[in-house]
Amino acid sequence: MSLDLTGQIVMNAIPISQSYRSPIFEALALQTIIGVVALMILDGGGIAQICGIALLAFWSGVATLIVRHPQNPTATDLSAIRIGYIAVVAITPFIAGAVWALRGL
């Protein structure tokens, strides 16, 4: 948002390609399903915590991809957005475990 010369609020749309739309909605659907299943596992919230960390890491990566290729996404970019969350969820327990061990938790 910004102000124009008359003081009115102007909404600035992010100029990204329409081809990002479908992969983003597919990623959201996949994350919803995995998130609901993770929340139903009775382990004290450990799996849900891993999925939450993976969620933040994944969307950080998606934002980076979109900033780097706003108008011309590659097929790899779109595939990474579509199914990349699964890979991030698979890797996160190892990285988070190493970080927690370094911190002494």
PDB file of N, CA and C in Angstrom:
ATOM      1  N   MET A   1       0.841  -1.174   0.000  1.00  0.00           N
ATOM      2  CA  MET A   1       0.000   0.000   0.000  1.00  0.00           C
ATOM      3  C   MET A   1       0.886   1.237   0.000  1.00  0.00           C
ATOM      4  N   SER A   2       0.388   2.250  -0.643  1.00  0.00           N
ATOM      5  CA  SER A   2       1.086   3.527  -0.651  1.00  0.00           C
ATOM      6  C   SER A   2       0.049   4.634  -0.785  1.00  0.00           C
ATOM      7  N   LEU A   3       0.514   5.848  -0.628  1.00  0.00           N
ATOM      8  CA  LEU A   3      -0.366   7.008  -0.765  1.00  0.00           C
ATOM      9  C   LEU A   3      -0.052   7.710  -2.081  1.00  0.00           C
ATOM     10  N   ASP A   4      -1.096   8.137  -2.792  1.00  0.00           N
ATOM     11  CA  ASP A   4      -0.869   8.918  -3.995  1.00  0.00           C
ATOM     12  C   ASP A   4      -0.771  10.393  -3.622  1.00  0.00           C
ATOM     13  N   LEU A   5      -0.698  11.266  -4.593  1.00  0.00           N
ATOM     14  CA  LEU A   5      -0.513  12.695  -4.333  1.00  0.00           C
ATOM     15  C   LEU A   5      -1.705  13.334  -3.633  1.00  0.00           C
ATOM     16  N   THR A   6      -2.884  12.737  -3.753  1.00  0.00           N
ATOM     17  CA  THR A   6      -4.072  13.297  -3.106  1.00  0.00           C
ATOM     18  C   THR A   6      -4.267  12.750  -1.695  1.00  0.00           C
ATOM     19  N   GLY A   7      -3.407  11.833  -1.262  1.00  0.00           N
ATOM     20  CA  GLY A   7      -3.529  11.259   0.067  1.00  0.00           C
ATOM     21  C   GLY A   7      -4.369   9.998   0.118  1.00  0.00           C
ATOM     22  N   GLN A   8      -4.820   9.511  -1.037  1.00  0.00           N
ATOM     23  CA  GLN A   8      -5.623   8.293  -1.094  1.00  0.00           C
ATOM     24  C   GLN A   8      -4.707   7.063  -1.030  1.00  0.00           C
ATOM     25  N   ILE A   9      -5.196   6.030  -0.401  1.00  0.00           N
ATOM     26  CA  ILE A   9      -4.432   4.781  -0.323  1.00  0.00           C
ATOM     27  C   ILE A   9      -4.541   4.049  -1.651  1.00  0.00           C
ATOM     28  N   VAL A  10      -3.394   3.632  -2.174  1.00  0.00           N
ATOM     29  CA  VAL A  10      -3.334   2.917  -3.441  1.00  0.00           C
ATOM     30  C   VAL A  10      -2.821   1.510  -3.154  1.00  0.00           C
ATOM     31  N   MET A  11      -3.578   0.498  -3.583  1.00  0.00           N
ATOM     32  CA  MET A  11      -3.163  -0.889  -3.404  1.00  0.00           C
ATOM     33  C   MET A  11      -2.278  -1.282  -4.580  1.00  0.00           C
ATOM     34  N   ASN A  12      -1.076  -1.722  -4.303  1.00  0.00           N
ATOM     35  CA  ASN A  12      -0.160  -2.164  -5.341  1.00  0.00           C
ATOM     36  C   ASN A  12      -0.202  -3.677  -5.412  1.00  0.00           C
ATOM     37  N   ALA A  13      -0.565  -4.211  -6.562  1.00  0.00           N
ATOM     38  CA  ALA A  13      -0.584  -5.651  -6.744  1.00  0.00           C
ATOM     39  C   ALA A  13       0.839  -6.140  -7.011  1.00  0.00           C
ATOM     40  N   ILE A  14       1.128  -7.324  -6.523  1.00  0.00           N
ATOM     41  CA  ILE A  14       2.435  -7.917  -6.779  1.00  0.00           C
ATOM     42  C   ILE A  14       2.416  -8.451  -8.210  1.00  0.00           C
ATOM     43  N   PRO A  15       3.323  -8.016  -9.046  1.00  0.00           N
ATOM     44  CA  PRO A  15       3.305  -8.427 -10.449  1.00  0.00           C
ATOM     45  C   PRO A  15       3.949  -9.803 -10.654  1.00  0.00           C
ATOM     46  N   ILE A  16       3.201 -10.862 -10.385  1.00  0.00           N
ATOM     47  CA  ILE A  16       3.730 -12.203 -10.606  1.00  0.00           C
ATOM     48  C   ILE A  16       2.883 -12.909 -11.658  1.00  0.00           C
ATOM     49  N   SER A  17       3.459 -13.942 -12.219  1.00  0.00           N
ATOM     50  CA  SER A  17       2.803 -14.697 -13.277  1.00  0.00           C
ATOM     51  C   SER A  17       1.587 -15.458 -12.748  1.00  0.00           C
ATOM     52  N   GLN A  18       0.582 -15.607 -13.606  1.00  0.00           N
ATOM     53  CA  GLN A  18      -0.609 -16.371 -13.245  1.00  0.00           C
ATOM     54  C   GLN A  18      -0.311 -17.860 -13.131  1.00  0.00           C
ATOM     55  N   SER A  19       0.799 -18.316 -13.684  1.00  0.00           N
ATOM     56  CA  SER A  19       1.115 -19.740 -13.620  1.00  0.00           C
ATOM     57  C   SER A  19       1.478 -20.183 -12.200  1.00  0.00           C
ATOM     58  N   TYR A  20       1.713 -19.258 -11.291  1.00  0.00           N
ATOM     59  CA  TYR A  20       1.965 -19.609  -9.890  1.00  0.00           C
ATOM     60  C   TYR A  20       0.675 -19.983  -9.154  1.00  0.00           C
ATOM     61  N   ARG A  21      -0.456 -19.562  -9.663  1.00  0.00           N
ATOM     62  CA  ARG A  21      -1.734 -19.729  -8.954  1.00  0.00           C
ATOM     63  C   ARG A  21      -2.035 -21.192  -8.618  1.00  0.00           C
ATOM     64  N   SER A  22      -2.032 -22.060  -9.605  1.00  0.00           N
ATOM     65  CA  SER A  22      -2.381 -23.464  -9.388  1.00  0.00           C
ATOM     66  C   SER A  22      -1.408 -24.169  -8.440  1.00  0.00           C
ATOM     67  N   PRO A  23      -0.086 -24.056  -8.627  1.00  0.00           N
ATOM     68  CA  PRO A  23       0.827 -24.713  -7.683  1.00  0.00           C
ATOM     69  C   PRO A  23       0.687 -24.213  -6.251  1.00  0.00           C
ATOM     70  N   ILE A  24       0.408 -22.933  -6.076  1.00  0.00           N
ATOM     71  CA  ILE A  24       0.263 -22.403  -4.718  1.00  0.00           C
ATOM     72  C   ILE A  24      -0.978 -22.992  -4.048  1.00  0.00           C
ATOM     73  N   PHE A  25      -2.095 -23.076  -4.772  1.00  0.00           N
ATOM     74  CA  PHE A  25      -3.297 -23.663  -4.186  1.00  0.00           C
ATOM     75  C   PHE A  25      -3.124 -25.156  -3.925  1.00  0.00           C
ATOM     76  N   GLU A  26      -2.400 -25.855  -4.793  1.00  0.00           N
ATOM     77  CA  GLU A  26      -2.125 -27.276  -4.563  1.00  0.00           C
ATOM     78  C   GLU A  26      -1.243 -27.458  -3.334  1.00  0.00           C
ATOM     79  N   ALA A  27      -0.255 -26.576  -3.167  1.00  0.00           N
ATOM     80  CA  ALA A  27       0.609 -26.649  -1.986  1.00  0.00           C
ATOM     81  C   ALA A  27      -0.188 -26.382  -0.714  1.00  0.00           C
ATOM     82  N   LEU A  28      -1.100 -25.425  -0.766  1.00  0.00           N
ATOM     83  CA  LEU A  28      -1.935 -25.141   0.404  1.00  0.00           C
ATOM     84  C   LEU A  28      -2.830 -26.332   0.755  1.00  0.00           C
ATOM     85  N   ALA A  29      -3.380 -26.997  -0.261  1.00  0.00           N
ATOM     86  CA  ALA A  29      -4.213 -28.176  -0.013  1.00  0.00           C
ATOM     87  C   ALA A  29      -3.384 -29.299   0.608  1.00  0.00           C
ATOM     88  N   LEU A  30      -2.195 -29.526   0.075  1.00  0.00           N
ATOM     89  CA  LEU A  30      -1.311 -30.565   0.611  1.00  0.00           C
ATOM     90  C   LEU A  30      -0.913 -30.251   2.052  1.00  0.00           C
ATOM     91  N   GLN A  31      -0.600 -29.004   2.334  1.00  0.00           N
ATOM     92  CA  GLN A  31      -0.211 -28.610   3.682  1.00  0.00           C
ATOM     93  C   GLN A  31      -1.368 -28.719   4.655  1.00  0.00           C
ATOM     94  N   THR A  32      -2.563 -28.447   4.203  1.00  0.00           N
ATOM     95  CA  THR A  32      -3.733 -28.597   5.065  1.00  0.00           C
ATOM     96  C   THR A  32      -3.929 -30.051   5.448  1.00  0.00           C
ATOM     97  N   ILE A  33      -3.829 -30.941   4.475  1.00  0.00           N
ATOM     98  CA  ILE A  33      -3.999 -32.370   4.750  1.00  0.00           C
ATOM     99  C   ILE A  33      -2.915 -32.877   5.699  1.00  0.00           C
ATOM    100  N   ILE A  34      -1.665 -32.564   5.395  1.00  0.00           N
ATOM    101  CA  ILE A  34      -0.558 -33.016   6.257  1.00  0.00           C
ATOM    102  C   ILE A  34      -0.671 -32.387   7.637  1.00  0.00           C
ATOM    103  N   GLY A  35      -1.061 -31.116   7.706  1.00  0.00           N
ATOM    104  CA  GLY A  35      -1.200 -30.443   8.994  1.00  0.00           C
ATOM    105  C   GLY A  35      -2.275 -31.056   9.865  1.00  0.00           C
ATOM    106  N   VAL A  36      -3.415 -31.404   9.276  1.00  0.00           N
ATOM    107  CA  VAL A  36      -4.500 -32.025  10.049  1.00  0.00           C
ATOM    108  C   VAL A  36      -4.057 -33.394  10.569  1.00  0.00           C
ATOM    109  N   VAL A  37      -3.404 -34.164   9.719  1.00  0.00           N
ATOM    110  CA  VAL A  37      -2.919 -35.487  10.159  1.00  0.00           C
ATOM    111  C   VAL A  37      -1.874 -35.329  11.263  1.00  0.00           C
ATOM    112  N   ALA A  38      -0.964 -34.350  11.112  1.00  0.00           N
ATOM    113  CA  ALA A  38       0.062 -34.117  12.130  1.00  0.00           C
ATOM    114  C   ALA A  38      -0.549 -33.711  13.464  1.00  0.00           C
ATOM    115  N   LEU A  39      -1.614 -32.930  13.412  1.00  0.00           N
ATOM    116  CA  LEU A  39      -2.262 -32.508  14.655  1.00  0.00           C
ATOM    117  C   LEU A  39      -3.016 -33.651  15.340  1.00  0.00           C
ATOM    118  N   MET A  40      -3.393 -34.676  14.577  1.00  0.00           N
ATOM    119  CA  MET A  40      -4.130 -35.802  15.153  1.00  0.00           C
ATOM    120  C   MET A  40      -3.209 -36.843  15.786  1.00  0.00           C
ATOM    121  N   ILE A  41      -1.906 -36.756  15.536  1.00  0.00           N
ATOM    122  CA  ILE A  41      -0.962 -37.706  16.111  1.00  0.00           C
ATOM    123  C   ILE A  41      -0.717 -37.322  17.570  1.00  0.00           C
ATOM    124  N   LEU A  42      -0.883 -38.287  18.457  1.00  0.00           N
ATOM    125  CA  LEU A  42      -0.774 -38.012  19.889  1.00  0.00           C
ATOM    126  C   LEU A  42       0.648 -38.265  20.384  1.00  0.00           C
ATOM    127  N   ASP A  43       1.542 -37.349  20.087  1.00  0.00           N
ATOM    128  CA  ASP A  43       2.924 -37.473  20.531  1.00  0.00           C
ATOM    129  C   ASP A  43       3.373 -36.248  21.323  1.00  0.00           C
ATOM    130  N   GLY A  44       2.450 -35.494  21.828  1.00  0.00           N
ATOM    131  CA  GLY A  44       2.782 -34.294  22.578  1.00  0.00           C
ATOM    132  C   GLY A  44       3.066 -33.088  21.701  1.00  0.00           C
ATOM    133  N   GLY A  45       2.761 -33.185  20.436  1.00  0.00           N
ATOM    134  CA  GLY A  45       2.941 -32.054  19.535  1.00  0.00           C
ATOM    135  C   GLY A  45       4.260 -32.019  18.795  1.00  0.00           C
ATOM    136  N   GLY A  46       5.056 -33.057  18.907  1.00  0.00           N
ATOM    137  CA  GLY A  46       6.362 -33.083  18.241  1.00  0.00           C
ATOM    138  C   GLY A  46       6.250 -33.064  16.725  1.00  0.00           C
ATOM    139  N   ILE A  47       5.387 -33.906  16.174  1.00  0.00           N
ATOM    140  CA  ILE A  47       5.203 -33.957  14.723  1.00  0.00           C
ATOM    141  C   ILE A  47       4.584 -32.645  14.232  1.00  0.00           C
ATOM    142  N   ALA A  48       3.636 -32.100  14.961  1.00  0.00           N
ATOM    143  CA  ALA A  48       3.023 -30.828  14.573  1.00  0.00           C
ATOM    144  C   ALA A  48       4.063 -29.706  14.595  1.00  0.00           C
ATOM    145  N   GLN A  49       4.975 -29.750  15.538  1.00  0.00           N
ATOM    146  CA  GLN A  49       6.027 -28.748  15.612  1.00  0.00           C
ATOM    147  C   GLN A  49       6.954 -28.852  14.399  1.00  0.00           C
ATOM    148  N   ILE A  50       7.314 -30.062  14.017  1.00  0.00           N
ATOM    149  CA  ILE A  50       8.143 -30.276  12.834  1.00  0.00           C
ATOM    150  C   ILE A  50       7.426 -29.763  11.588  1.00  0.00           C
ATOM    151  N   CYS A  51       6.130 -30.055  11.471  1.00  0.00           N
ATOM    152  CA  CYS A  51       5.359 -29.587  10.314  1.00  0.00           C
ATOM    153  C   CYS A  51       5.260 -28.067  10.294  1.00  0.00           C
ATOM    154  N   GLY A  52       5.168 -27.448  11.451  1.00  0.00           N
ATOM    155  CA  GLY A  52       5.131 -25.982  11.521  1.00  0.00           C
ATOM    156  C   GLY A  52       6.451 -25.358  11.104  1.00  0.00           C
ATOM    157  N   ILE A  53       7.552 -25.942  11.545  1.00  0.00           N
ATOM    158  CA  ILE A  53       8.872 -25.457  11.138  1.00  0.00           C
ATOM    159  C   ILE A  53       9.034 -25.619   9.634  1.00  0.00           C
ATOM    160  N   ALA A  54       8.608 -26.783   9.119  1.00  0.00           N
ATOM    161  CA  ALA A  54       8.693 -27.041   7.680  1.00  0.00           C
ATOM    162  C   ALA A  54       7.824 -26.059   6.899  1.00  0.00           C
ATOM    163  N   LEU A  55       6.686 -25.708   7.452  1.00  0.00           N
ATOM    164  CA  LEU A  55       5.787 -24.759   6.794  1.00  0.00           C
ATOM    165  C   LEU A  55       6.464 -23.400   6.626  1.00  0.00           C
ATOM    166  N   LEU A  56       7.103 -22.918   7.676  1.00  0.00           N
ATOM    167  CA  LEU A  56       7.804 -21.632   7.588  1.00  0.00           C
ATOM    168  C   LEU A  56       8.964 -21.699   6.602  1.00  0.00           C
ATOM    169  N   ALA A  57       9.726 -22.786   6.641  1.00  0.00           N
ATOM    170  CA  ALA A  57      10.853 -22.934   5.722  1.00  0.00           C
ATOM    171  C   ALA A  57      10.378 -23.020   4.275  1.00  0.00           C
ATOM    172  N   PHE A  58       9.309 -23.771   4.040  1.00  0.00           N
ATOM    173  CA  PHE A  58       8.792 -23.936   2.687  1.00  0.00           C
ATOM    174  C   PHE A  58       8.328 -22.607   2.105  1.00  0.00           C
ATOM    175  N   TRP A  59       7.528 -21.854   2.854  1.00  0.00           N
ATOM    176  CA  TRP A  59       7.011 -20.598   2.306  1.00  0.00           C
ATOM    177  C   TRP A  59       8.101 -19.555   2.163  1.00  0.00           C
ATOM    178  N   SER A  60       9.148 -19.642   2.963  1.00  0.00           N
ATOM    179  CA  SER A  60      10.311 -18.772   2.753  1.00  0.00           C
ATOM    180  C   SER A  60      10.966 -19.094   1.417  1.00  0.00           C
ATOM    181  N   GLY A  61      11.087 -20.378   1.123  1.00  0.00           N
ATOM    182  CA  GLY A  61      11.643 -20.797  -0.162  1.00  0.00           C
ATOM    183  C   GLY A  61      10.764 -20.397  -1.327  1.00  0.00           C
ATOM    184  N   VAL A  62       9.451 -20.536  -1.164  1.00  0.00           N
ATOM    185  CA  VAL A  62       8.523 -20.136  -2.234  1.00  0.00           C
ATOM    186  C   VAL A  62       8.635 -18.632  -2.490  1.00  0.00           C
ATOM    187  N   ALA A  63       8.710 -17.854  -1.438  1.00  0.00           N
ATOM    188  CA  ALA A  63       8.850 -16.403  -1.612  1.00  0.00           C
ATOM    189  C   ALA A  63      10.137 -16.075  -2.359  1.00  0.00           C
ATOM    190  N   THR A  64      11.211 -16.793  -2.042  1.00  0.00           N
ATOM    191  CA  THR A  64      12.475 -16.590  -2.740  1.00  0.00           C
ATOM    192  C   THR A  64      12.347 -16.933  -4.223  1.00  0.00           C
ATOM    193  N   LEU A  65      11.687 -18.049  -4.525  1.00  0.00           N
ATOM    194  CA  LEU A  65      11.478 -18.434  -5.924  1.00  0.00           C
ATOM    195  C   LEU A  65      10.676 -17.376  -6.672  1.00  0.00           C
ATOM    196  N   ILE A  66       9.629 -16.884  -6.050  1.00  0.00           N
ATOM    197  CA  ILE A  66       8.777 -15.901  -6.717  1.00  0.00           C
ATOM    198  C   ILE A  66       9.516 -14.584  -6.918  1.00  0.00           C
ATOM    199  N   VAL A  67      10.336 -14.184  -5.962  1.00  0.00           N
ATOM    200  CA  VAL A  67      11.100 -12.944  -6.118  1.00  0.00           C
ATOM    201  C   VAL A  67      12.138 -13.092  -7.233  1.00  0.00           C
ATOM    202  N   ARG A  68      12.735 -14.269  -7.339  1.00  0.00           N
ATOM    203  CA  ARG A  68      13.761 -14.473  -8.363  1.00  0.00           C
ATOM    204  C   ARG A  68      13.192 -14.593  -9.764  1.00  0.00           C
ATOM    205  N   HIS A  69      12.013 -15.206  -9.908  1.00  0.00           N
ATOM    206  CA  HIS A  69      11.388 -15.385 -11.226  1.00  0.00           C
ATOM    207  C   HIS A  69       9.922 -14.951 -11.173  1.00  0.00           C
ATOM    208  N   PRO A  70       9.648 -13.670 -11.040  1.00  0.00           N
ATOM    209  CA  PRO A  70       8.249 -13.252 -10.870  1.00  0.00           C
ATOM    210  C   PRO A  70       7.377 -13.461 -12.107  1.00  0.00           C
ATOM    211  N   GLN A  71       7.926 -13.297 -13.294  1.00  0.00           N
ATOM    212  CA  GLN A  71       7.119 -13.380 -14.502  1.00  0.00           C
ATOM    213  C   GLN A  71       7.320 -14.670 -15.293  1.00  0.00           C
ATOM    214  N   ASN A  72       8.475 -15.294 -15.177  1.00  0.00           N
ATOM    215  CA  ASN A  72       8.795 -16.474 -15.986  1.00  0.00           C
ATOM    216  C   ASN A  72       9.246 -17.641 -15.119  1.00  0.00           C
ATOM    217  N   PRO A  73       8.337 -18.279 -14.389  1.00  0.00           N
ATOM    218  CA  PRO A  73       8.763 -19.418 -13.563  1.00  0.00           C
ATOM    219  C   PRO A  73       9.130 -20.610 -14.441  1.00  0.00           C
ATOM    220  N   THR A  74      10.143 -21.343 -14.002  1.00  0.00           N
ATOM    221  CA  THR A  74      10.524 -22.550 -14.726  1.00  0.00           C
ATOM    222  C   THR A  74       9.627 -23.698 -14.279  1.00  0.00           C
ATOM    223  N   ALA A  75       9.675 -24.788 -15.019  1.00  0.00           N
ATOM    224  CA  ALA A  75       8.899 -25.975 -14.642  1.00  0.00           C
ATOM    225  C   ALA A  75       9.382 -26.517 -13.298  1.00  0.00           C
ATOM    226  N   THR A  76      10.675 -26.398 -13.041  1.00  0.00           N
ATOM    227  CA  THR A  76      11.225 -26.843 -11.754  1.00  0.00           C
ATOM    228  C   THR A  76      10.679 -26.000 -10.606  1.00  0.00           C
ATOM    229  N   ASP A  77      10.575 -24.690 -10.818  1.00  0.00           N
ATOM    230  CA  ASP A  77      10.009 -23.807  -9.790  1.00  0.00           C
ATOM    231  C   ASP A  77       8.585 -24.221  -9.448  1.00  0.00           C
ATOM    232  N   LEU A  78       7.785 -24.460 -10.480  1.00  0.00           N
ATOM    233  CA  LEU A  78       6.383 -24.815 -10.259  1.00  0.00           C
ATOM    234  C   LEU A  78       6.255 -26.176  -9.588  1.00  0.00           C
ATOM    235  N   SER A  79       7.114 -27.132  -9.964  1.00  0.00           N
ATOM    236  CA  SER A  79       7.098 -28.451  -9.313  1.00  0.00           C
ATOM    237  C   SER A  79       7.539 -28.354  -7.857  1.00  0.00           C
ATOM    238  N   ALA A  80       8.535 -27.510  -7.602  1.00  0.00           N
ATOM    239  CA  ALA A  80       9.004 -27.333  -6.222  1.00  0.00           C
ATOM    240  C   ALA A  80       7.914 -26.734  -5.350  1.00  0.00           C
ATOM    241  N   ILE A  81       7.132 -25.840  -5.900  1.00  0.00           N
ATOM    242  CA  ILE A  81       6.033 -25.258  -5.128  1.00  0.00           C
ATOM    243  C   ILE A  81       4.943 -26.297  -4.914  1.00  0.00           C
ATOM    244  N   ARG A  82       4.647 -27.090  -5.950  1.00  0.00           N
ATOM    245  CA  ARG A  82       3.572 -28.083  -5.858  1.00  0.00           C
ATOM    246  C   ARG A  82       3.846 -29.149  -4.804  1.00  0.00           C
ATOM    247  N   ILE A  83       5.016 -29.787  -4.858  1.00  0.00           N
ATOM    248  CA  ILE A  83       5.263 -30.953  -4.000  1.00  0.00           C
ATOM    249  C   ILE A  83       6.483 -30.796  -3.102  1.00  0.00           C
ATOM    250  N   GLY A  84       7.073 -29.616  -3.085  1.00  0.00           N
ATOM    251  CA  GLY A  84       8.279 -29.404  -2.296  1.00  0.00           C
ATOM    252  C   GLY A  84       8.068 -29.520  -0.801  1.00  0.00           C
ATOM    253  N   TYR A  85       6.844 -29.307  -0.353  1.00  0.00           N
ATOM    254  CA  TYR A  85       6.572 -29.376   1.086  1.00  0.00           C
ATOM    255  C   TYR A  85       6.855 -30.771   1.635  1.00  0.00           C
ATOM    256  N   ILE A  86       6.601 -31.786   0.831  1.00  0.00           N
ATOM    257  CA  ILE A  86       6.854 -33.156   1.283  1.00  0.00           C
ATOM    258  C   ILE A  86       8.343 -33.346   1.554  1.00  0.00           C
ATOM    259  N   ALA A  87       9.178 -32.846   0.658  1.00  0.00           N
ATOM    260  CA  ALA A  87      10.627 -32.954   0.848  1.00  0.00           C
ATOM    261  C   ALA A  87      11.082 -32.162   2.072  1.00  0.00           C
ATOM    262  N   VAL A  88      10.522 -30.996   2.260  1.00  0.00           N
ATOM    263  CA  VAL A  88      10.903 -30.164   3.404  1.00  0.00           C
ATOM    264  C   VAL A  88      10.490 -30.836   4.708  1.00  0.00           C
ATOM    265  N   VAL A  89       9.302 -31.441   4.734  1.00  0.00           N
ATOM    266  CA  VAL A  89       8.850 -32.151   5.942  1.00  0.00           C
ATOM    267  C   VAL A  89       9.757 -33.352   6.219  1.00  0.00           C
ATOM    268  N   ALA A  90      10.236 -34.010   5.173  1.00  0.00           N
ATOM    269  CA  ALA A  90      11.106 -35.175   5.359  1.00  0.00           C
ATOM    270  C   ALA A  90      12.486 -34.782   5.885  1.00  0.00           C
ATOM    271  N   ILE A  91      12.972 -33.606   5.502  1.00  0.00           N
ATOM    272  CA  ILE A  91      14.315 -33.162   5.905  1.00  0.00           C
ATOM    273  C   ILE A  91      14.309 -32.438   7.251  1.00  0.00           C
ATOM    274  N   THR A  92      13.227 -31.783   7.586  1.00  0.00           N
ATOM    275  CA  THR A  92      13.158 -30.929   8.779  1.00  0.00           C
ATOM    276  C   THR A  92      13.492 -31.629  10.088  1.00  0.00           C
ATOM    277  N   PRO A  93      13.051 -32.868  10.352  1.00  0.00           N
ATOM    278  CA  PRO A  93      13.405 -33.467  11.645  1.00  0.00           C
ATOM    279  C   PRO A  93      14.910 -33.585  11.869  1.00  0.00           C
ATOM    280  N   PHE A  94      15.654 -33.836  10.806  1.00  0.00           N
ATOM    281  CA  PHE A  94      17.105 -33.974  10.939  1.00  0.00           C
ATOM    282  C   PHE A  94      17.771 -32.629  11.188  1.00  0.00           C
ATOM    283  N   ILE A  95      17.350 -31.613  10.437  1.00  0.00           N
ATOM    284  CA  ILE A  95      17.937 -30.289  10.613  1.00  0.00           C
ATOM    285  C   ILE A  95      17.524 -29.697  11.957  1.00  0.00           C
ATOM    286  N   ALA A  96      16.249 -29.810  12.300  1.00  0.00           N
ATOM    287  CA  ALA A  96      15.778 -29.274  13.582  1.00  0.00           C
ATOM    288  C   ALA A  96      16.434 -30.015  14.743  1.00  0.00           C
ATOM    289  N   GLY A  97      16.579 -31.332  14.610  1.00  0.00           N
ATOM    290  CA  GLY A  97      17.244 -32.102  15.667  1.00  0.00           C
ATOM    291  C   GLY A  97      18.689 -31.675  15.858  1.00  0.00           C
ATOM    292  N   ALA A  98      19.385 -31.396  14.752  1.00  0.00           N
ATOM    293  CA  ALA A  98      20.766 -30.941  14.855  1.00  0.00           C
ATOM    294  C   ALA A  98      20.846 -29.559  15.496  1.00  0.00           C
ATOM    295  N   VAL A  99      19.928 -28.671  15.130  1.00  0.00           N
ATOM    296  CA  VAL A  99      19.908 -27.332  15.716  1.00  0.00           C
ATOM    297  C   VAL A  99      19.595 -27.398  17.198  1.00  0.00           C
ATOM    298  N   TRP A 100      18.605 -28.243  17.564  1.00  0.00           N
ATOM    299  CA  TRP A 100      18.261 -28.376  18.979  1.00  0.00           C
ATOM    300  C   TRP A 100      19.423 -28.979  19.764  1.00  0.00           C
ATOM    301  N   ALA A 101      20.160 -29.916  19.184  1.00  0.00           N
ATOM    302  CA  ALA A 101      21.303 -30.512  19.866  1.00  0.00           C
ATOM    303  C   ALA A 101      22.406 -29.473  20.070  1.00  0.00           C
ATOM    304  N   LEU A 102      22.625 -28.637  19.076  1.00  0.00           N
ATOM    305  CA  LEU A 102      23.636 -27.580  19.217  1.00  0.00           C
ATOM    306  C   LEU A 102      23.253 -26.569  20.285  1.00  0.00           C
ATOM    307  N   ARG A 103      21.956 -26.330  20.431  1.00  0.00           N
ATOM    308  CA  ARG A 103      21.493 -25.378  21.439  1.00  0.00           C
ATOM    309  C   ARG A 103      21.389 -26.010  22.816  1.00  0.00           C
ATOM    310  N   GLY A 104      21.499 -27.328  22.884  1.00  0.00           N
ATOM    311  CA  GLY A 104      21.410 -28.013  24.168  1.00  0.00           C
ATOM    312  C   GLY A 104      20.005 -28.303  24.621  1.00  0.00           C
ATOM    313  N   LEU A 105      19.061 -28.392  23.679  1.00  0.00           N
ATOM    314  CA  LEU A 105      17.673 -28.660  24.035  1.00  0.00           C
ATOM    315  C   LEU A 105      17.349 -30.128  23.883  1.00  0.00           C
TER     316      LEU A 105
END
